[in-house]
Amino acid sequence: MAVKILSTSSSNQKFYHQIVSPQKKKVSLLLGAFLFTSLFCTPKLDWIRSLPKEFPRDSDLSLGTYQRPTELKSAMGSKNFQLFWKETIHILPNHEFKKIWREWRVYPKEIVFHQVVGRGQFEKSGEWVLFLTKELNTKECQVERNGKINQKQLTKQVPCDSFSKETNKLQDHKLLYYYDGHALYPMQYESGYVEANFGIAWETDKAYTKTKLFEIAKTKYGKKEFQPHVYHHVKLD
């Protein structure tokens, strides 16, 4: 976006002050502060797609399941529609991982199930983990609903024996996470491999560094009840 800069020469200053009201001056100052912050305080976001080559690699990441807290996405007490979801990252031996997103849409007479599974490898350096997804599998199915729905029991299983839609494709998705020894924090909000333009990286001031702004953003997004930016280690596989 091109930013038009007004001339500040002595011949134009008087005319500028005559045509610009105090309110417009205030808006201009605020816009200038925003542009300064955007250009000089927030790091470029391409750093969340890689780990510097000079960072020493290690394998100190606990194996097992990391689960994202899930909030209710349908109206409480609704009899016509309920939406449950679950998202996990499974850390496997040999620097491999599997990321699973599942969704159950419950209607009065049927259940619509959707699943996205990403597979790949990860690189780790200290508190930073880069997940490199190489393969993506998606599945969909629909089954008849029988009786009342128990959320805990429903989300423990895949409701279908066969799928109406299934696709496999190669993928090249990379995203950096912060690891505090117990949980994984993505630098950008992403769910089911659908990304949003906000997250911890948007509110920090230096790449790969635990600055004060980084810690504030990590705490803020990690504790969010809606769209939490964290996966907690729950058990060993």
Protein backbone atom coordinates (compact mmCIF):
# COMPACT_ATOMS: atom_id res chain seq x y z
CA MET A 1 0.00 0.00 0.00
CA ALA A 2 1.46 3.35 -1.03
CA VAL A 3 1.43 6.03 1.66
CA LYS A 4 1.14 9.61 0.40
CA ILE A 5 3.42 11.96 2.33
CA LEU A 6 2.47 15.65 2.53
CA SER A 7 5.17 18.21 1.75
CA THR A 8 6.58 20.01 4.79
CA SER A 9 8.50 22.76 3.01
CA SER A 10 8.18 26.29 4.43
CA SER A 11 6.11 27.41 1.45
CA ASN A 12 3.48 24.74 2.11
CA GLN A 13 3.34 24.63 5.91
CA LYS A 14 1.03 27.61 6.29
CA PHE A 15 -1.40 26.28 3.69
CA TYR A 16 -1.32 22.80 5.32
CA HIS A 17 -2.22 24.17 8.76
CA GLN A 18 -5.06 26.16 7.27
CA ILE A 19 -6.78 23.21 5.59
CA VAL A 20 -6.16 20.50 8.19
CA SER A 21 -8.41 20.62 11.25
CA PRO A 22 -7.17 19.57 14.72
CA GLN A 23 -9.27 16.42 14.45
CA LYS A 24 -7.67 15.47 11.13
CA LYS A 25 -4.23 16.18 12.59
CA LYS A 26 -5.00 13.73 15.41
CA VAL A 27 -6.09 11.06 12.93
CA SER A 28 -2.90 11.61 10.92
CA LEU A 29 -0.76 11.21 14.04
CA LEU A 30 -2.57 7.99 14.99
CA LEU A 31 -2.18 6.64 11.45
CA GLY A 32 1.52 7.50 11.54
CA ALA A 33 1.95 5.70 14.88
CA PHE A 34 0.15 2.64 13.51
CA LEU A 35 2.34 2.55 10.40
CA PHE A 36 5.49 2.96 12.50
CA THR A 37 4.44 0.07 14.76
CA SER A 38 3.55 -2.13 11.79
CA LEU A 39 6.80 -1.42 9.95
CA PHE A 40 9.32 -1.36 12.79
CA CYS A 41 7.90 -3.10 15.91
CA THR A 42 6.20 -6.23 14.56
CA PRO A 43 8.59 -8.73 12.93
CA LYS A 44 7.92 -9.97 9.43
CA LEU A 45 5.74 -13.04 9.71
CA ASP A 46 7.70 -15.31 7.38
CA TRP A 47 9.76 -16.45 10.40
CA ILE A 48 6.86 -18.65 11.58
CA ARG A 49 7.47 -20.95 8.56
CA SER A 50 11.06 -21.93 9.31
CA LEU A 51 13.85 -22.50 11.80
CA PRO A 52 17.18 -20.78 11.19
CA LYS A 53 19.87 -23.18 9.94
CA GLU A 54 22.26 -21.99 12.64
CA PHE A 55 19.87 -23.07 15.42
CA PRO A 56 21.13 -26.42 16.86
CA ARG A 57 18.58 -29.21 16.48
CA ASP A 58 17.49 -31.51 19.31
CA SER A 59 14.88 -34.21 20.08
CA ASP A 60 13.69 -33.08 23.50
CA LEU A 61 9.95 -33.23 22.84
CA SER A 62 7.78 -35.60 24.91
CA LEU A 63 6.07 -38.31 22.87
CA GLY A 64 2.33 -38.69 23.18
CA THR A 65 -0.85 -36.70 22.64
CA TYR A 66 -1.25 -32.92 22.85
CA GLN A 67 -4.88 -31.82 22.92
CA ARG A 68 -6.44 -28.44 22.28
CA PRO A 69 -9.20 -27.31 24.69
CA THR A 70 -12.50 -27.26 22.81
CA GLU A 71 -15.39 -24.89 23.41
CA LEU A 72 -19.01 -25.54 22.50
CA LYS A 73 -19.77 -24.22 19.02
CA SER A 74 -23.54 -24.69 19.08
CA ALA A 75 -26.26 -23.15 21.24
CA MET A 76 -26.48 -24.69 24.72
CA GLY A 77 -29.50 -26.94 25.11
CA SER A 78 -30.29 -26.94 21.41
CA LYS A 79 -32.43 -29.93 20.36
CA ASN A 80 -32.10 -29.40 16.61
CA PHE A 81 -28.35 -28.99 16.20
CA GLN A 82 -25.18 -29.72 18.16
CA LEU A 83 -21.60 -29.27 17.03
CA PHE A 84 -18.71 -31.06 18.73
CA TRP A 85 -15.06 -30.99 17.69
CA LYS A 86 -11.69 -32.29 18.81
CA GLU A 87 -8.15 -31.49 17.77
CA THR A 88 -4.94 -33.28 18.73
CA ILE A 89 -1.27 -33.49 17.79
CA HIS A 90 0.38 -36.88 18.25
CA ILE A 91 4.16 -36.76 18.64
CA LEU A 92 5.65 -40.01 17.32
CA PRO A 93 9.18 -41.51 17.28
CA ASN A 94 11.71 -40.52 14.60
CA HIS A 95 10.58 -36.88 14.55
CA GLU A 96 7.22 -37.78 13.05
CA PHE A 97 3.81 -36.40 13.98
CA LYS A 98 0.14 -36.79 13.17
CA LYS A 99 -2.34 -33.93 13.57
CA ILE A 100 -6.05 -34.82 13.74
CA TRP A 101 -9.07 -32.51 13.53
CA ARG A 102 -12.53 -34.04 13.92
CA GLU A 103 -16.00 -32.55 13.84
CA TRP A 104 -19.40 -34.07 14.66
CA ARG A 105 -22.50 -32.19 13.47
CA VAL A 106 -25.51 -33.67 15.22
CA TYR A 107 -28.98 -33.15 13.75
CA PRO A 108 -32.32 -34.60 14.90
CA LYS A 109 -32.07 -37.59 12.54
CA GLU A 110 -28.42 -37.81 11.50
CA ILE A 111 -24.78 -37.20 12.37
CA VAL A 112 -22.41 -35.65 9.83
CA PHE A 113 -18.75 -36.43 10.53
CA HIS A 114 -15.71 -34.69 9.07
CA GLN A 115 -12.04 -35.49 9.70
CA VAL A 116 -8.74 -33.96 8.57
CA VAL A 117 -5.46 -35.75 9.29
CA GLY A 118 -2.06 -34.25 8.56
CA ARG A 119 1.17 -36.28 8.67
CA GLY A 120 4.75 -35.19 8.49
CA GLN A 121 7.92 -34.52 10.42
CA PHE A 122 9.06 -31.87 12.85
CA GLU A 123 12.27 -30.02 13.56
CA LYS A 124 13.08 -28.80 17.05
CA SER A 125 15.56 -26.33 18.48
CA GLY A 126 15.24 -25.56 22.17
CA GLU A 127 11.77 -24.13 22.77
CA TRP A 128 10.85 -23.91 19.08
CA VAL A 129 9.20 -26.69 17.08
CA LEU A 130 8.54 -26.50 13.34
CA PHE A 131 5.86 -28.87 12.05
CA LEU A 132 6.24 -29.78 8.37
CA THR A 133 3.09 -31.45 7.05
CA LYS A 134 3.70 -33.55 3.93
CA GLU A 135 0.40 -35.42 3.52
CA LEU A 136 -3.23 -34.51 4.13
CA ASN A 137 -6.17 -36.91 4.33
CA THR A 138 -9.79 -35.76 4.57
CA LYS A 139 -12.87 -37.91 5.19
CA GLU A 140 -16.60 -37.27 5.39
CA CYS A 141 -19.58 -39.47 6.17
CA GLN A 142 -23.15 -39.36 7.37
CA VAL A 143 -24.93 -41.83 9.64
CA GLU A 144 -28.39 -42.16 11.10
CA ARG A 145 -28.79 -40.86 14.63
CA ASN A 146 -30.10 -43.28 17.23
CA GLY A 147 -31.29 -41.94 20.58
CA LYS A 148 -29.67 -39.37 22.83
CA ILE A 149 -26.14 -38.12 22.27
CA ASN A 150 -23.44 -38.32 24.93
CA GLN A 151 -20.67 -35.91 23.95
CA LYS A 152 -17.89 -37.77 25.78
CA GLN A 153 -18.78 -41.09 24.18
CA LEU A 154 -19.45 -39.57 20.76
CA THR A 155 -16.07 -37.82 20.48
CA LYS A 156 -14.15 -40.97 21.40
CA GLN A 157 -14.97 -42.68 18.13
CA VAL A 158 -15.47 -42.34 14.40
CA PRO A 159 -19.19 -43.00 13.81
CA CYS A 160 -18.78 -44.47 10.29
CA ASP A 161 -17.57 -47.78 8.92
CA SER A 162 -17.23 -46.31 5.42
CA PHE A 163 -16.93 -42.80 4.02
CA SER A 164 -18.87 -41.01 1.30
CA LYS A 165 -15.90 -38.73 0.55
CA GLU A 166 -12.20 -39.31 1.05
CA THR A 167 -9.21 -37.52 -0.42
CA ASN A 168 -5.45 -37.85 -0.05
CA LYS A 169 -3.04 -35.23 -1.28
CA LEU A 170 0.52 -34.13 -0.89
CA GLN A 171 0.93 -31.06 1.26
CA ASP A 172 3.62 -28.50 2.01
CA HIS A 173 2.43 -26.77 5.15
CA LYS A 174 4.83 -25.36 7.74
CA LEU A 175 4.02 -23.72 11.06
CA LEU A 176 6.17 -22.84 14.05
CA TYR A 177 5.13 -23.63 17.64
CA TYR A 178 6.58 -22.64 21.01
CA TYR A 179 7.14 -25.50 23.48
CA ASP A 180 7.30 -24.78 27.21
CA GLY A 181 7.91 -28.38 28.28
CA HIS A 182 4.22 -29.12 28.79
CA ALA A 183 2.27 -27.53 25.95
CA LEU A 184 2.60 -26.43 22.31
CA TYR A 185 1.61 -22.89 21.26
CA PRO A 186 1.19 -22.17 17.51
CA MET A 187 2.47 -18.80 16.37
CA GLN A 188 -0.61 -18.43 14.14
CA TYR A 189 -4.15 -19.63 14.81
CA GLU A 190 -4.93 -22.66 12.67
CA SER A 191 -7.59 -25.35 12.97
CA GLY A 192 -8.05 -28.27 10.61
CA TYR A 193 -5.34 -26.70 8.43
CA VAL A 194 -7.44 -23.56 7.94
CA GLU A 195 -5.41 -20.55 9.06
CA ALA A 196 -6.54 -17.19 10.44
CA ASN A 197 -4.62 -13.94 10.22
CA PHE A 198 -3.95 -13.50 13.92
CA GLY A 199 -1.97 -15.13 16.69
CA ILE A 200 1.02 -14.81 18.99
CA ALA A 201 3.40 -13.77 16.19
CA TRP A 202 1.18 -10.79 15.37
CA GLU A 203 1.71 -9.33 18.85
CA THR A 204 5.37 -10.00 19.53
CA ASP A 205 8.24 -7.71 18.62
CA LYS A 206 11.16 -10.02 17.88
CA ALA A 207 11.35 -13.35 16.04
CA TYR A 208 12.36 -16.48 17.98
CA THR A 209 12.66 -14.48 21.21
CA LYS A 210 10.76 -14.59 24.51
CA THR A 211 10.32 -10.85 24.94
CA LYS A 212 7.80 -9.28 27.31
CA LEU A 213 5.33 -8.79 24.44
CA PHE A 214 5.75 -12.43 23.44
CA GLU A 215 4.98 -13.63 26.98
CA ILE A 216 1.89 -11.40 27.17
CA ALA A 217 0.60 -12.72 23.84
CA LYS A 218 1.33 -16.35 24.77
CA THR A 219 -0.58 -16.02 28.04
CA LYS A 220 -3.44 -14.19 26.35
CA TYR A 221 -3.97 -16.67 23.52
CA GLY A 222 -3.18 -19.75 25.61
CA LYS A 223 -6.00 -18.94 28.05
CA LYS A 224 -8.64 -17.98 25.49
CA GLU A 225 -11.89 -19.89 25.92
CA PHE A 226 -12.81 -19.35 22.28
CA GLN A 227 -10.22 -20.45 19.71
CA PRO A 228 -7.45 -21.25 22.23
CA HIS A 229 -3.91 -21.22 20.80
CA VAL A 230 -2.50 -24.15 22.77
CA TYR A 231 -2.23 -27.96 22.83
CA HIS A 232 -1.69 -29.50 26.28
CA HIS A 233 0.22 -32.75 26.75
CA VAL A 234 -2.36 -35.18 28.13
CA LYS A 235 -0.80 -38.64 28.06
CA LEU A 236 1.82 -40.89 26.52
CA ASP A 237 0.75 -43.10 23.62
